[in-house]
Amino acid sequence: MIRKFALLATTAALMVACGGAQEENMEAKAKAAADSAAKAMEKVAADMKAATTAAADSAANAAGAMGDSAMKAVGGAVDATKDAVKEAVGH
């Protein structure tokens, strides 16, 4: 009976010891996976921010160019109007 108890206790101790190592190993793998996912999310967020900034800069540049073109057109129209008035008035 003592041998059976000793064998059972040894088997139980071995199972607990092996199970603990597996649990720690699984926890380490889960932590590594979570860290990897967090880094990937940070990279995606940084890439999205860079793309958004580039798009905003491009839109601002395009709007500035259109504004410059509009101002040139208005300036040209003002000059043409002044010239037409001078010709009509004779001065």
Protein backbone atom coordinates (compact mmCIF):
# COMPACT_ATOMS: atom_id res chain seq x y z
CA MET A 1 0.00 0.00 0.00
CA ILE A 2 2.83 2.41 0.84
CA ARG A 3 4.44 1.66 -2.55
CA LYS A 4 1.21 2.47 -4.36
CA PHE A 5 0.87 5.72 -2.40
CA ALA A 6 4.51 6.61 -3.12
CA LEU A 7 4.04 5.84 -6.83
CA LEU A 8 0.84 7.90 -6.92
CA ALA A 9 2.50 10.81 -5.07
CA THR A 10 5.52 10.68 -7.41
CA THR A 11 3.27 10.64 -10.48
CA ALA A 12 1.21 13.55 -9.13
CA ALA A 13 4.35 15.55 -8.33
CA LEU A 14 5.71 14.90 -11.82
CA MET A 15 2.44 15.99 -13.42
CA VAL A 16 2.35 19.19 -11.36
CA ALA A 17 5.98 19.96 -12.18
CA CYS A 18 5.52 19.39 -15.91
CA GLY A 19 2.20 21.23 -15.98
CA GLY A 20 3.72 24.29 -14.30
CA ALA A 21 6.47 24.52 -16.91
CA GLN A 22 3.96 24.26 -19.71
CA GLU A 23 1.81 26.95 -18.15
CA GLU A 24 4.77 29.31 -17.83
CA ASN A 25 5.79 28.54 -21.40
CA MET A 26 2.27 29.22 -22.64
CA GLU A 27 2.12 32.47 -20.66
CA ALA A 28 5.45 33.57 -22.17
CA LYS A 29 4.19 32.77 -25.67
CA ALA A 30 0.93 34.63 -25.04
CA LYS A 31 2.83 37.67 -23.76
CA ALA A 32 5.14 37.59 -26.78
CA ALA A 33 2.14 37.38 -29.11
CA ALA A 34 0.43 40.30 -27.33
CA ASP A 35 3.62 42.39 -27.53
CA SER A 36 3.97 41.57 -31.23
CA ALA A 37 0.35 42.55 -31.89
CA ALA A 38 0.81 45.81 -29.99
CA LYS A 39 3.91 46.67 -32.03
CA ALA A 40 2.07 45.86 -35.26
CA MET A 41 -0.83 48.11 -34.23
CA GLU A 42 1.58 50.94 -33.40
CA LYS A 43 3.22 50.59 -36.82
CA VAL A 44 -0.14 50.62 -38.60
CA ALA A 45 -1.19 53.71 -36.62
CA ALA A 46 2.07 55.48 -37.51
CA ASP A 47 1.68 54.54 -41.19
CA MET A 48 -1.92 55.79 -41.21
CA LYS A 49 -0.87 59.06 -39.56
CA ALA A 50 1.88 59.55 -42.16
CA ALA A 51 -0.53 58.83 -45.01
CA THR A 52 -3.14 61.20 -43.57
CA THR A 53 -0.55 63.94 -43.14
CA ALA A 54 0.68 63.45 -46.70
CA ALA A 55 -2.88 63.60 -48.05
CA ALA A 56 -3.62 66.75 -46.05
CA ASP A 57 -0.41 68.40 -47.25
CA SER A 58 -1.23 67.47 -50.84
CA ALA A 59 -4.75 68.88 -50.52
CA ALA A 60 -3.41 72.08 -48.96
CA ASN A 61 -0.87 72.48 -51.74
CA ALA A 62 -3.53 71.91 -54.38
CA ALA A 63 -5.85 74.42 -52.73
CA GLY A 64 -3.01 76.94 -52.54
CA ALA A 65 -2.22 76.46 -56.20
CA MET A 66 -5.89 76.92 -57.14
CA GLY A 67 -6.05 80.04 -54.99
CA ASP A 68 -2.96 81.45 -56.70
CA SER A 69 -4.45 80.70 -60.13
CA ALA A 70 -7.73 82.34 -59.14
CA MET A 71 -5.91 85.44 -57.87
CA LYS A 72 -3.96 85.68 -61.12
CA ALA A 73 -7.16 85.36 -63.11
CA VAL A 74 -8.88 88.03 -61.02
CA GLY A 75 -5.82 90.27 -61.34
CA GLY A 76 -5.85 89.78 -65.09
CA ALA A 77 -9.56 90.57 -65.24
CA VAL A 78 -9.04 93.72 -63.17
CA ASP A 79 -6.23 94.85 -65.45
CA ALA A 80 -8.33 94.15 -68.54
CA THR A 81 -11.23 96.10 -67.05
CA LYS A 82 -8.98 99.06 -66.24
CA ASP A 83 -7.62 99.02 -69.78
CA ALA A 84 -11.14 98.85 -71.22
CA VAL A 85 -12.26 101.78 -69.05
CA LYS A 86 -9.22 103.82 -70.11
CA GLU A 87 -9.95 103.15 -73.77
CA ALA A 88 -13.62 103.95 -73.34
CA VAL A 89 -12.94 107.14 -71.44
CA GLY A 90 -10.02 108.08 -73.60
CA HIS A 91 -7.38 108.48 -70.90
